[in-house]
Amino acid sequence: MTPISPRYRLQFSEPAGYLDFARFGPPSYAVLDTTAMLLEKATHAGPGTVDELMREETRVKAAAARLCGSDIDHVVLQPHTSLGLMQAAFNAAGGSVLVAATEFPANTYPWARAEQAGRLTMRALPDGHVTADRVAAALTDDITMVSVSAVDFRTGYRADLAALRDVVGDRLLVVDGIQGFGVIDEPWEVADILVVGGQKWLRAGWGTGFAVLSDRTLERMDPVLSGWTGARDPGLFDNSIHPPDRTAAAWSISNLSPVTSGAFAAALELVEDAGVGVITAHLAERVEALEEVVVSCGAQIVSERRRRAGILAFTLPDHPAEQVGAALSAAAIASTVRPDHVRLSPHITTSSETLEQLRTALRTLTSPSPSMPVLPPVPAGAATHDVLMSLIPAVHGLAAMLGPGNEVLLHDFSRLPDSIVAIAGDLTHRTVGGPMTDLLLGLIRRGTTQDLINYRTNNPDGRPIRSSTLFLRDADGVAVGCLCVNSELSVTVSENVAAQDESFPPDVDSLQQFLVDRAISKVGVQPSEMKKQQKAAVVRELDDAGFFLIRDSVDHVAGRLDVTRYTIYNYLNEIRG
């Protein structure tokens, strides 16, 4: 399985116990920072500020189009899926729509209201999964549209969109993608109308969404729910009503907030950076681990177990759903409680700590004996991978075997940059909770996790040492940590050992200061005398060194270069763009 980059993981910091992404996904730092940056621009508005901010609309449309295999002429921004579905219903040119009775209300009310207004007729598909066979059996000549959720909000059933496309034929296929877009790999291009909200799995915050319309939709729809921004020549104020635009812009009612658009673009670009296929695989792994936990506690899975996405619903025999939900809430676990089941929905950032927290909470219900020891929650940031846990006791034993003048330590990459979880020996004067070296941080940033054997460097007081770094991997070959051995060298021997520059900072502040000092030194100009190009060169050097994997690093370097944090983000966008 392709690993998720540490850079992606560090964008999120939801608390352990959060298992409610099907309801709301806590946004990333990229979303937070982009929102702050754009609001800052709006606060100090000048002659070109509004035009500059409005370009965020094109940015987010382009990101959405890339993820859908479309283009910006077929994308229109929406504040939520409900409006997109309402427009699909009221812009329909008559006929009947087939929609499952068990759909989330956002996908039933629009069609019912459009029927009340005389726009179309609503036909209900009976209870059960929306499969190609069931839809084919329900199709009649008067049905012109079929509406379906890509993932059912109750059962987690993942619809076979390609098969539905085949049986729907020339009718319009409407897909509500909010419970799957960005975390499941689907042929979204088969939808004639795809509506997506960004507040759940895309982790973009509320007020974010889009619709993608096919050419067939643009030809057949009668966009009565269309505002002035959806008309042709919207900037021409000639006291007349213009016809709707020929592109998806026809569904626009008014301009969305450019701040929201920019934040949404940042969220979609994060998904692109990680890769939908990679996210899909890791999410499946998390759901399987979640299932193992609840089943081991006696629960029964009531959601889909084969064609599923990120939703896992369960019941606990002899315990009403409300009681289970109360126990989970008391254990700081976020879930959705329905009358007949509890719904859990992890993301790829869901930790092993969260799984153990869930296991402990469920066992308080299934084994409530006061004599049973209750394990405390695993401390935040603790090493959780088995391969690392098993090596922690060996660190001291290995150092004792090597004797004086040696140091052995273990790094856990999930705790970047404070990654030292065990250390024996005092060669580099570091302690548990300390950061990795600049050399190792740069390797992580570049994705280089090949073992480094027998290289020479110098400890903090300048004496030569011999070092080896062995990367530790999980069953899928993903590097989860590394074991490092440092040994004193005589000057004579050290001359025959390949050298690597490396520093051993005692804490994160020292690491940050060292990296910035080094970058400034390489540029050769003091910050007070630097021009924009030289400051950008410092940021480029720091980015290559993995500096921005450290939290709050943007604020640190902004202070050193005497610029705003948003200037640093602009440099990074230019460098990575």
Protein backbone atom coordinates (compact mmCIF):
# COMPACT_ATOMS: atom_id res chain seq x y z
CA MET A 1 0.00 0.00 0.00
CA THR A 2 1.33 3.44 -0.91
CA PRO A 3 2.03 5.41 2.29
CA ILE A 4 0.35 8.68 3.19
CA SER A 5 3.00 11.37 3.31
CA PRO A 6 3.87 12.85 6.74
CA ARG A 7 3.21 16.25 5.19
CA TYR A 8 -0.44 15.27 4.62
CA ARG A 9 -0.84 13.78 8.10
CA LEU A 10 0.49 16.93 9.76
CA GLN A 11 -2.36 18.93 8.21
CA PHE A 12 -4.85 17.45 10.65
CA SER A 13 -5.12 17.34 14.43
CA GLU A 14 -8.59 16.14 15.36
CA PRO A 15 -8.58 14.68 18.89
CA ALA A 16 -8.33 10.97 19.54
CA GLY A 17 -11.83 9.51 19.62
CA TYR A 18 -13.22 11.43 16.66
CA LEU A 19 -15.22 8.93 14.57
CA ASP A 20 -17.89 11.09 12.94
CA PHE A 21 -16.53 12.12 9.54
CA ALA A 22 -19.77 11.10 7.83
CA ARG A 23 -21.33 14.01 9.71
CA PHE A 24 -18.49 16.53 9.74
CA GLY A 25 -14.78 16.41 8.96
CA PRO A 26 -12.58 18.75 11.03
CA PRO A 27 -10.79 20.99 8.50
CA SER A 28 -7.07 20.98 7.82
CA TYR A 29 -4.52 23.59 8.78
CA ALA A 30 -4.34 24.45 5.07
CA VAL A 31 -8.05 25.38 5.16
CA LEU A 32 -7.60 27.34 8.37
CA ASP A 33 -4.54 29.20 7.13
CA THR A 34 -6.02 29.95 3.71
CA THR A 35 -9.15 31.34 5.34
CA ALA A 36 -7.06 33.57 7.61
CA MET A 37 -4.85 34.68 4.73
CA LEU A 38 -7.76 35.66 2.49
CA LEU A 39 -9.58 37.42 5.31
CA GLU A 40 -6.39 39.33 6.01
CA LYS A 41 -6.32 40.44 2.38
CA ALA A 42 -9.96 41.47 2.56
CA THR A 43 -9.28 43.46 5.74
CA HIS A 44 -6.71 45.59 3.95
CA ALA A 45 -8.61 45.92 0.69
CA GLY A 46 -7.17 48.04 -2.07
CA PRO A 47 -8.08 48.83 -5.70
CA GLY A 48 -7.42 45.31 -6.97
CA THR A 49 -8.26 43.27 -3.88
CA VAL A 50 -11.77 42.16 -4.85
CA ASP A 51 -10.72 41.04 -8.32
CA GLU A 52 -7.76 39.17 -6.83
CA LEU A 53 -9.96 37.43 -4.27
CA MET A 54 -12.56 36.45 -6.84
CA ARG A 55 -9.91 34.48 -8.74
CA GLU A 56 -10.19 31.89 -5.98
CA GLU A 57 -13.40 30.75 -7.69
CA THR A 58 -11.46 29.68 -10.77
CA ARG A 59 -8.87 27.96 -8.57
CA VAL A 60 -11.44 25.80 -6.76
CA LYS A 61 -13.36 25.02 -9.95
CA ALA A 62 -10.14 23.83 -11.55
CA ALA A 63 -9.33 21.59 -8.59
CA ALA A 64 -12.84 20.10 -8.61
CA ALA A 65 -12.68 19.56 -12.38
CA ARG A 66 -9.35 17.73 -12.13
CA LEU A 67 -10.70 15.37 -9.47
CA CYS A 68 -13.81 14.69 -11.58
CA GLY A 69 -12.12 14.39 -14.96
CA SER A 70 -14.00 17.44 -16.24
CA ASP A 71 -13.31 21.13 -16.91
CA ILE A 72 -14.31 24.42 -15.33
CA ASP A 73 -17.06 25.12 -17.89
CA HIS A 74 -18.91 22.14 -16.48
CA VAL A 75 -18.42 23.05 -12.79
CA VAL A 76 -20.51 25.45 -10.71
CA LEU A 77 -19.88 26.25 -7.06
CA GLN A 78 -22.60 25.62 -4.48
CA PRO A 79 -22.72 26.33 -0.74
CA HIS A 80 -24.04 22.80 -0.06
CA THR A 81 -25.46 19.72 -1.76
CA SER A 82 -29.03 20.68 -0.88
CA LEU A 83 -28.97 23.65 -3.25
CA GLY A 84 -27.42 21.58 -6.04
CA LEU A 85 -30.12 18.92 -5.71
CA MET A 86 -32.84 21.57 -5.47
CA GLN A 87 -31.59 23.07 -8.73
CA ALA A 88 -31.48 19.64 -10.35
CA ALA A 89 -35.14 19.17 -9.38
CA PHE A 90 -36.46 22.61 -10.37
CA ASN A 91 -34.34 22.94 -13.50
CA ALA A 92 -35.60 19.60 -14.83
CA ALA A 93 -37.63 19.85 -18.01
CA GLY A 94 -40.52 17.64 -16.86
CA GLY A 95 -40.96 13.88 -16.77
CA SER A 96 -40.49 11.70 -13.70
CA VAL A 97 -37.57 11.09 -11.36
CA LEU A 98 -36.80 7.76 -9.67
CA VAL A 99 -35.35 8.19 -6.17
CA ALA A 100 -35.02 5.75 -3.27
CA ALA A 101 -37.41 6.32 -0.38
CA THR A 102 -34.55 5.67 2.06
CA GLU A 103 -32.35 8.49 0.75
CA PHE A 104 -31.10 11.24 3.06
CA PRO A 105 -33.75 14.03 3.11
CA ALA A 106 -31.51 16.35 1.10
CA ASN A 107 -32.12 13.96 -1.80
CA THR A 108 -35.89 13.58 -1.35
CA TYR A 109 -37.23 17.02 -0.41
CA PRO A 110 -36.06 18.72 -3.64
CA TRP A 111 -37.94 16.24 -5.82
CA ALA A 112 -41.03 16.40 -3.60
CA ARG A 113 -41.05 20.21 -3.67
CA ALA A 114 -40.53 20.24 -7.45
CA GLU A 115 -43.50 17.88 -7.78
CA GLN A 116 -45.60 20.24 -5.66
CA ALA A 117 -44.63 23.04 -8.03
CA GLY A 118 -45.67 20.97 -11.04
CA ARG A 119 -42.14 20.65 -12.43
CA LEU A 120 -41.99 16.82 -12.46
CA THR A 121 -43.35 13.63 -10.93
CA MET A 122 -41.55 11.76 -8.17
CA ARG A 123 -41.34 7.94 -8.25
CA ALA A 124 -40.06 6.09 -5.16
CA LEU A 125 -37.76 3.08 -5.34
CA PRO A 126 -38.77 0.71 -2.49
CA ASP A 127 -36.52 0.05 0.52
CA GLY A 128 -33.21 -1.63 -0.17
CA HIS A 129 -29.88 -0.87 -1.78
CA VAL A 130 -29.98 1.12 -5.01
CA THR A 131 -28.60 -1.55 -7.33
CA ALA A 132 -28.58 -1.67 -11.11
CA ASP A 133 -31.01 -4.62 -11.16
CA ARG A 134 -33.54 -2.92 -8.87
CA VAL A 135 -33.36 0.33 -10.81
CA ALA A 136 -33.73 -1.49 -14.15
CA ALA A 137 -36.86 -3.25 -12.85
CA ALA A 138 -38.37 0.07 -11.71
CA LEU A 139 -37.71 2.07 -14.88
CA THR A 140 -40.70 3.13 -16.97
CA ASP A 141 -40.93 5.17 -20.13
CA ASP A 142 -41.94 8.34 -18.28
CA ILE A 143 -38.83 8.34 -16.05
CA THR A 144 -36.31 10.86 -17.34
CA MET A 145 -34.01 11.06 -14.31
CA VAL A 146 -32.62 8.73 -11.63
CA SER A 147 -31.20 10.19 -8.42
CA VAL A 148 -28.93 8.23 -6.09
CA SER A 149 -26.38 8.73 -3.32
CA ALA A 150 -22.92 7.42 -4.11
CA VAL A 151 -22.79 6.16 -0.50
CA ASP A 152 -25.88 5.49 1.58
CA PHE A 153 -25.77 7.54 4.79
CA ARG A 154 -27.28 4.75 6.91
CA THR A 155 -25.75 1.54 5.58
CA GLY A 156 -22.56 2.84 3.99
CA TYR A 157 -23.51 0.96 0.79
CA ARG A 158 -21.40 2.18 -2.13
CA ALA A 159 -23.52 2.34 -5.29
CA ASP A 160 -22.12 0.83 -8.47
CA LEU A 161 -22.22 4.03 -10.52
CA ALA A 162 -20.88 2.43 -13.70
CA ALA A 163 -23.57 -0.27 -13.62
CA LEU A 164 -26.26 2.31 -12.88
CA ARG A 165 -25.08 4.36 -15.84
CA ASP A 166 -25.53 1.34 -18.09
CA VAL A 167 -29.12 0.64 -17.05
CA VAL A 168 -30.18 4.30 -16.88
CA GLY A 169 -29.19 4.71 -20.52
CA ASP A 170 -30.03 8.09 -22.02
CA ARG A 171 -31.82 9.30 -18.89
CA LEU A 172 -30.08 11.78 -16.60
CA LEU A 173 -28.19 10.21 -13.69
CA VAL A 174 -28.03 12.47 -10.62
CA VAL A 175 -25.45 11.53 -7.98
CA ASP A 176 -25.12 12.95 -4.48
CA GLY A 177 -21.41 12.42 -3.81
CA ILE A 178 -21.08 13.99 -0.36
CA GLN A 179 -20.51 10.71 1.51
CA GLY A 180 -17.78 9.47 -0.77
CA PHE A 181 -16.12 12.11 -2.91
CA GLY A 182 -12.41 12.35 -2.15
CA VAL A 183 -12.21 9.10 -0.17
CA ILE A 184 -13.49 6.50 -2.62
CA ASP A 185 -12.25 5.96 -6.14
CA GLU A 186 -15.36 6.15 -8.35
CA PRO A 187 -16.04 6.95 -12.04
CA TRP A 188 -17.66 10.29 -11.21
CA GLU A 189 -17.69 11.19 -14.88
CA VAL A 190 -20.63 8.81 -15.48
CA ALA A 191 -22.93 11.18 -13.56
CA ASP A 192 -24.90 13.75 -15.52
CA ILE A 193 -25.28 15.83 -12.37
CA LEU A 194 -22.78 15.31 -9.56
CA VAL A 195 -23.32 17.35 -6.39
CA VAL A 196 -20.69 17.39 -3.64
CA GLY A 197 -20.45 19.11 -0.27
CA GLY A 198 -17.07 19.80 1.30
CA GLN A 199 -17.83 19.76 5.01
CA LYS A 200 -17.57 15.99 5.53
CA TRP A 201 -14.86 13.78 4.01
CA LEU A 202 -13.21 16.63 2.10
CA ARG A 203 -12.66 18.47 5.40
CA ALA A 204 -13.18 21.90 3.88
CA GLY A 205 -15.64 23.35 6.39
CA TRP A 206 -19.26 24.41 6.00
CA GLY A 207 -20.48 26.46 3.05
CA THR A 208 -18.38 24.58 0.49
CA GLY A 209 -19.60 22.51 -2.43
CA PHE A 210 -19.91 22.19 -6.18
CA ALA A 211 -21.92 20.57 -8.96
CA VAL A 212 -20.58 19.10 -12.18
CA LEU A 213 -22.96 19.02 -15.15
CA SER A 214 -22.66 16.89 -18.27
CA ASP A 215 -23.26 18.18 -21.79
CA ARG A 216 -26.49 16.18 -21.82
CA THR A 217 -27.64 18.07 -18.72
CA LEU A 218 -26.77 21.45 -20.19
CA GLU A 219 -28.76 20.60 -23.34
CA ARG A 220 -31.90 19.37 -21.54
CA MET A 221 -32.17 21.49 -18.42
CA ASP A 222 -34.30 24.61 -18.12
CA PRO A 223 -32.36 26.63 -15.50
CA VAL A 224 -35.16 28.57 -13.82
CA LEU A 225 -33.22 28.60 -10.53
CA SER A 226 -30.57 30.88 -11.95
CA GLY A 227 -29.44 34.31 -10.78
CA TRP A 228 -27.70 37.24 -12.38
CA THR A 229 -24.30 35.55 -12.10
CA GLY A 230 -25.72 32.62 -14.08
CA ALA A 231 -26.70 34.79 -17.05
CA ARG A 232 -24.75 35.54 -20.18
CA ASP A 233 -22.75 38.77 -19.87
CA PRO A 234 -23.43 39.09 -16.12
CA GLY A 235 -21.35 42.27 -15.96
CA LEU A 236 -23.48 44.04 -18.59
CA PHE A 237 -26.06 46.11 -16.68
CA ASP A 238 -28.47 47.13 -19.45
CA ASN A 239 -31.77 46.85 -17.53
CA SER A 240 -32.73 43.59 -19.29
CA ILE A 241 -32.96 39.94 -18.26
CA HIS A 242 -30.24 37.98 -20.03
CA PRO A 243 -30.66 34.31 -21.01
CA PRO A 244 -28.86 31.67 -18.92
CA ASP A 245 -25.24 30.97 -19.68
CA ARG A 246 -24.51 27.98 -21.92
CA THR A 247 -22.11 26.48 -19.35
CA ALA A 248 -22.62 25.14 -15.84
CA ALA A 249 -22.45 28.76 -14.69
CA ALA A 250 -26.17 28.89 -15.60
CA TRP A 251 -26.84 27.30 -12.19
CA SER A 252 -25.12 30.15 -10.37
CA ILE A 253 -27.40 32.36 -8.28
CA SER A 254 -24.84 34.74 -6.86
CA ASN A 255 -21.14 34.93 -6.10
CA LEU A 256 -19.94 32.67 -3.32
CA SER A 257 -17.52 33.97 -0.74
CA PRO A 258 -14.02 34.05 -2.28
CA VAL A 259 -12.66 33.24 1.19
CA THR A 260 -14.73 30.06 1.25
CA SER A 261 -13.70 29.29 -2.32
CA GLY A 262 -10.02 29.58 -1.48
CA ALA A 263 -10.39 27.39 1.59
CA PHE A 264 -12.25 24.78 -0.46
CA ALA A 265 -9.52 24.87 -3.10
CA ALA A 266 -6.90 24.20 -0.42
CA ALA A 267 -8.89 21.17 0.79
CA LEU A 268 -9.29 19.73 -2.70
CA GLU A 269 -5.62 20.27 -3.49
CA LEU A 270 -4.69 18.31 -0.36
CA VAL A 271 -6.75 15.39 -1.68
CA GLU A 272 -4.98 15.68 -5.03
CA ASP A 273 -1.60 15.75 -3.31
CA ALA A 274 -2.30 12.59 -1.31
CA GLY A 275 -4.07 10.79 -4.19
CA VAL A 276 -7.66 9.52 -4.04
CA GLY A 277 -6.57 5.93 -4.64
CA VAL A 278 -4.14 6.11 -1.73
CA ILE A 279 -6.80 7.64 0.53
CA THR A 280 -9.29 4.94 -0.51
CA ALA A 281 -6.89 2.14 0.42
CA HIS A 282 -5.98 3.64 3.80
CA LEU A 283 -9.62 4.36 4.65
CA ALA A 284 -10.55 0.73 3.89
CA GLU A 285 -7.81 -0.35 6.28
CA ARG A 286 -9.15 1.93 9.03
CA VAL A 287 -12.71 0.65 8.59
CA GLU A 288 -11.50 -2.96 8.80
CA ALA A 289 -9.59 -2.18 12.00
CA LEU A 290 -12.68 -0.46 13.40
CA GLU A 291 -14.81 -3.49 12.55
CA GLU A 292 -12.36 -5.80 14.35
CA VAL A 293 -12.66 -3.68 17.50
CA VAL A 294 -16.46 -3.57 17.66
CA VAL A 295 -16.87 -7.26 16.74
CA SER A 296 -14.36 -8.27 19.42
CA CYS A 297 -16.59 -6.50 21.93
CA GLY A 298 -19.66 -8.51 20.88
CA ALA A 299 -21.19 -5.98 18.49
CA GLN A 300 -23.12 -6.88 15.35
CA ILE A 301 -22.38 -5.01 12.13
CA VAL A 302 -25.58 -3.75 10.50
CA SER A 303 -24.02 -1.70 7.72
CA GLU A 304 -22.76 -2.91 4.35
CA ARG A 305 -19.62 -5.06 4.65
CA ARG A 306 -18.68 -5.60 1.00
CA ARG A 307 -19.47 -2.55 -1.13
CA ARG A 308 -18.74 -0.02 1.60
CA ALA A 309 -16.91 3.26 1.93
CA GLY A 310 -16.11 4.85 5.31
CA ILE A 311 -19.28 4.13 7.28
CA LEU A 312 -19.59 1.37 9.89
CA ALA A 313 -22.90 0.96 11.75
CA PHE A 314 -23.37 -1.53 14.58
CA THR A 315 -25.62 -2.65 17.41
CA LEU A 316 -24.64 -4.09 20.78
CA PRO A 317 -26.98 -6.89 21.93
CA ASP A 318 -28.97 -6.01 25.06
CA HIS A 319 -27.83 -2.40 24.90
CA PRO A 320 -30.03 0.25 23.23
CA ALA A 321 -28.27 2.54 20.78
CA GLU A 322 -28.80 5.51 23.11
CA GLN A 323 -26.98 3.69 25.92
CA VAL A 324 -24.08 2.79 23.64
CA GLY A 325 -23.90 6.36 22.38
CA ALA A 326 -23.85 7.70 25.95
CA ALA A 327 -20.96 5.38 26.86
CA LEU A 328 -19.01 6.48 23.79
CA SER A 329 -19.66 10.15 24.53
CA ALA A 330 -18.49 9.69 28.12
CA ALA A 331 -15.25 8.23 26.71
CA ALA A 332 -14.80 11.30 24.45
CA ILE A 333 -15.69 9.34 21.29
CA ALA A 334 -17.64 11.24 18.63
CA SER A 335 -20.22 9.13 16.79
CA THR A 336 -23.71 9.44 15.30
CA VAL A 337 -26.46 7.71 17.28
CA ARG A 338 -29.55 6.59 15.36
CA PRO A 339 -32.66 5.06 17.00
CA ASP A 340 -31.61 1.53 16.00
CA HIS A 341 -27.80 1.68 15.66
CA VAL A 342 -24.62 3.63 16.23
CA ARG A 343 -22.69 4.91 13.21
CA LEU A 344 -18.91 5.26 13.23
CA SER A 345 -16.96 6.86 10.40
CA PRO A 346 -13.15 7.10 10.56
CA HIS A 347 -10.74 8.89 8.24
CA ILE A 348 -7.20 7.98 7.25
CA THR A 349 -5.92 10.09 10.16
CA THR A 350 -7.79 7.96 12.71
CA SER A 351 -5.17 6.65 15.12
CA SER A 352 -4.61 3.36 16.93
CA GLU A 353 -5.21 5.33 20.11
CA THR A 354 -8.76 6.02 18.94
CA LEU A 355 -9.36 2.31 18.29
CA GLU A 356 -8.19 1.37 21.78
CA GLN A 357 -10.27 4.17 23.26
CA LEU A 358 -13.31 2.68 21.49
CA ARG A 359 -12.49 -0.84 22.65
CA THR A 360 -12.21 0.31 26.27
CA ALA A 361 -15.50 2.22 26.08
CA LEU A 362 -17.43 -0.73 24.64
CA ARG A 363 -15.99 -3.12 27.20
CA THR A 364 -17.33 -0.95 30.00
CA LEU A 365 -20.75 -1.99 28.68
CA THR A 366 -20.08 -5.62 27.84
CA SER A 367 -17.87 -6.37 30.90
CA PRO A 368 -18.90 -3.86 33.59
CA SER A 369 -17.44 -5.78 36.54
CA PRO A 370 -15.80 -3.32 38.96
CA SER A 371 -12.94 -5.76 39.44
CA MET A 372 -12.02 -5.54 35.77
CA PRO A 373 -9.06 -3.17 35.28
CA VAL A 374 -9.81 -0.31 32.94
CA LEU A 375 -6.82 0.68 30.84
CA PRO A 376 -6.17 4.43 30.72
CA PRO A 377 -6.12 6.10 27.30
CA VAL A 378 -2.80 5.94 25.49
CA PRO A 379 -1.10 9.36 25.90
CA ALA A 380 -1.39 11.62 22.88
CA GLY A 381 1.56 11.25 20.55
CA ALA A 382 2.79 8.00 22.11
CA ALA A 383 4.40 5.40 19.85
CA THR A 384 1.58 3.12 18.77
CA HIS A 385 2.94 0.88 16.06
CA ASP A 386 3.77 -2.64 17.24
CA VAL A 387 7.13 -2.75 15.52
CA LEU A 388 8.21 0.33 17.49
CA MET A 389 6.69 -0.75 20.79
CA SER A 390 8.55 -4.04 20.63
CA LEU A 391 11.89 -2.28 20.13
CA ILE A 392 11.65 0.25 22.95
CA PRO A 393 12.92 -2.21 25.62
CA ALA A 394 15.72 -3.30 23.27
CA VAL A 395 17.17 0.22 23.03
CA HIS A 396 18.67 0.14 26.52
CA GLY A 397 19.81 -3.45 26.16
CA LEU A 398 21.61 -2.72 22.90
CA ALA A 399 23.30 0.37 24.37
CA ALA A 400 24.46 -1.64 27.38
CA MET A 401 25.91 -4.31 25.08
CA LEU A 402 27.78 -1.72 22.99
CA GLY A 403 29.20 -0.11 26.11
CA PRO A 404 30.40 3.44 26.89
CA GLY A 405 30.84 5.88 24.03
CA ASN A 406 27.73 4.66 22.24
CA GLU A 407 24.17 5.88 21.91
CA VAL A 408 21.04 4.08 20.68
CA LEU A 409 17.73 5.80 20.00
CA LEU A 410 14.36 5.11 18.41
CA HIS A 411 12.31 7.59 16.34
CA ASP A 412 8.54 7.37 15.76
CA PHE A 413 7.56 9.20 12.55
CA SER A 414 3.96 9.65 13.73
CA ARG A 415 5.27 12.12 16.32
CA LEU A 416 7.13 14.43 13.95
CA PRO A 417 9.15 16.40 14.77
CA ASP A 418 9.32 15.38 18.50
CA SER A 419 10.04 11.84 17.40
CA ILE A 420 12.45 10.35 19.97
CA VAL A 421 10.51 7.70 21.92
CA ALA A 422 13.49 5.89 23.48
CA ILE A 423 17.17 6.75 23.94
CA ALA A 424 20.09 5.23 25.84
CA GLY A 425 23.50 6.86 26.07
CA ASP A 426 24.42 10.54 26.22
CA LEU A 427 26.60 11.04 23.19
CA THR A 428 24.42 13.77 21.63
CA HIS A 429 22.83 15.02 24.89
CA ARG A 430 19.24 14.41 23.77
CA THR A 431 16.26 13.01 25.66
CA VAL A 432 12.90 11.30 25.00
CA GLY A 433 10.54 13.77 23.30
CA GLY A 434 13.39 15.48 21.47
CA PRO A 435 13.39 16.13 17.73
CA MET A 436 15.05 14.27 14.90
CA THR A 437 18.18 15.65 13.26
CA ASP A 438 18.15 17.99 10.30
CA LEU A 439 19.54 15.19 8.11
CA LEU A 440 16.71 12.83 8.98
CA LEU A 441 14.05 15.54 8.66
CA GLY A 442 15.26 16.31 5.14
CA LEU A 443 15.14 12.64 4.18
CA ILE A 444 11.52 12.40 5.36
CA ARG A 445 10.60 15.54 3.40
CA ARG A 446 12.06 14.05 0.21
CA GLY A 447 10.52 10.63 0.84
CA THR A 448 13.96 8.98 0.98
CA THR A 449 13.87 6.13 3.48
CA GLN A 450 16.87 4.05 2.50
CA ASP A 451 19.12 2.90 5.33
CA LEU A 452 22.24 4.98 6.01
CA ILE A 453 25.03 2.74 7.26
CA ASN A 454 28.33 3.72 8.83
CA TYR A 455 28.59 7.42 7.99
CA ARG A 456 30.65 10.01 9.85
CA THR A 457 29.28 13.14 11.47
CA ASN A 458 30.08 15.23 14.55
CA ASN A 459 28.34 15.39 17.91
CA PRO A 460 27.32 18.77 19.40
CA ASP A 461 30.77 19.40 20.94
CA GLY A 462 32.52 18.74 17.61
CA ARG A 463 33.93 15.27 18.26
CA PRO A 464 33.61 12.81 15.34
CA ILE A 465 31.07 10.00 15.64
CA ARG A 466 30.07 7.07 13.46
CA SER A 467 26.33 6.77 12.80
CA SER A 468 23.90 4.32 11.23
CA THR A 469 20.19 4.84 10.64
CA LEU A 470 17.94 1.83 9.97
CA PHE A 471 14.38 2.53 8.81
CA LEU A 472 11.67 0.37 10.39
CA ARG A 473 8.68 -0.59 8.27
CA ASP A 474 5.20 -2.03 8.74
CA ALA A 475 3.81 -5.05 6.90
CA ASP A 476 3.16 -2.91 3.81
CA GLY A 477 6.71 -1.62 3.66
CA VAL A 478 5.84 1.86 4.91
CA ALA A 479 8.55 3.48 7.07
CA VAL A 480 7.05 4.12 10.53
CA GLY A 481 10.25 4.94 12.42
CA CYS A 482 13.97 4.34 12.55
CA LEU A 483 16.63 2.95 14.87
CA CYS A 484 19.81 5.02 15.13
CA VAL A 485 23.19 4.03 16.59
CA ASN A 486 25.92 6.61 17.26
CA SER A 487 29.47 5.70 18.33
CA GLU A 488 32.53 7.75 19.20
CA LEU A 489 35.35 7.70 16.66
CA SER A 490 39.01 8.42 16.95
CA VAL A 491 40.24 11.17 14.63
CA THR A 492 42.43 8.68 12.75
CA VAL A 493 39.61 6.24 12.03
CA SER A 494 37.10 8.98 11.19
CA GLU A 495 39.15 10.14 8.21
CA ASN A 496 38.35 6.88 6.41
CA VAL A 497 34.56 7.05 6.95
CA ALA A 498 32.18 8.83 4.53
CA ALA A 499 30.95 12.08 6.07
CA GLN A 500 27.44 13.54 6.37
CA ASP A 501 26.57 16.96 7.77
CA GLU A 502 24.16 16.54 10.65
CA SER A 503 23.10 18.48 13.74
CA PHE A 504 21.67 17.10 16.97
CA PRO A 505 19.38 19.78 18.43
CA PRO A 506 18.11 19.18 21.98
CA ASP A 507 14.62 20.55 21.25
CA VAL A 508 12.37 21.75 18.43
CA ASP A 509 13.17 25.43 19.00
CA SER A 510 16.86 24.70 18.54
CA LEU A 511 16.13 22.68 15.40
CA GLN A 512 14.10 25.54 13.92
CA GLN A 513 16.76 28.10 14.74
CA PHE A 514 19.52 25.93 13.26
CA LEU A 515 17.63 25.34 10.00
CA VAL A 516 16.77 29.02 9.52
CA ASP A 517 20.31 30.14 10.37
CA ARG A 518 21.69 27.66 7.85
CA ALA A 519 19.28 28.77 5.12
CA ILE A 520 20.09 32.44 5.69
CA SER A 521 23.81 31.64 5.65
CA LYS A 522 23.45 29.88 2.29
CA VAL A 523 21.72 32.91 0.78
CA GLY A 524 24.51 35.09 2.13
CA VAL A 525 22.44 38.18 2.97
CA GLN A 526 21.06 39.24 6.33
CA PRO A 527 17.23 39.37 6.51
CA SER A 528 17.19 43.14 7.04
CA GLU A 529 18.90 43.58 3.65
CA MET A 530 17.09 40.85 1.70
CA LYS A 531 14.94 41.47 -1.34
CA LYS A 532 11.90 39.35 -2.17
CA GLN A 533 13.93 36.94 -4.32
CA GLN A 534 16.40 36.29 -1.51
CA LYS A 535 13.66 35.72 1.07
CA ALA A 536 12.00 33.29 -1.31
CA ALA A 537 15.35 31.50 -1.65
CA VAL A 538 15.47 31.06 2.14
CA VAL A 539 11.95 29.59 2.09
CA ARG A 540 12.92 27.24 -0.76
CA GLU A 541 15.94 26.02 1.19
CA LEU A 542 13.80 25.46 4.29
CA ASP A 543 11.14 23.62 2.30
CA ASP A 544 13.75 21.23 0.89
CA ALA A 545 15.07 20.65 4.42
CA GLY A 546 11.66 19.59 5.74
CA PHE A 547 11.37 22.72 7.92
CA PHE A 548 7.66 23.10 7.22
CA LEU A 549 6.91 19.63 8.60
CA ILE A 550 7.36 21.32 11.98
CA ARG A 551 4.21 22.85 13.40
CA ASP A 552 4.21 26.67 13.74
CA SER A 553 7.26 26.79 11.45
CA VAL A 554 5.61 29.38 9.20
CA ASP A 555 5.26 31.83 12.09
CA HIS A 556 8.88 31.21 13.12
CA VAL A 557 10.42 31.97 9.73
CA ALA A 558 8.02 34.88 9.13
CA GLY A 559 9.37 36.49 12.28
CA ARG A 560 12.98 35.89 11.23
CA LEU A 561 12.44 37.36 7.76
CA ASP A 562 10.22 40.19 9.04
CA VAL A 563 7.28 39.35 6.77
CA THR A 564 3.75 38.12 7.42
CA ARG A 565 2.92 34.44 7.58
CA TYR A 566 0.82 34.94 4.45
CA THR A 567 3.89 36.10 2.57
CA ILE A 568 5.55 32.81 3.51
CA TYR A 569 2.52 30.94 2.15
CA ASN A 570 2.76 32.92 -1.08
CA TYR A 571 6.44 31.99 -1.42
CA LEU A 572 5.56 28.33 -0.82
CA ASN A 573 2.79 28.45 -3.42
CA GLU A 574 5.20 29.88 -5.97
CA ILE A 575 7.90 27.34 -5.10
CA ARG A 576 5.60 24.32 -5.19
CA GLY A 577 3.34 25.59 -7.95
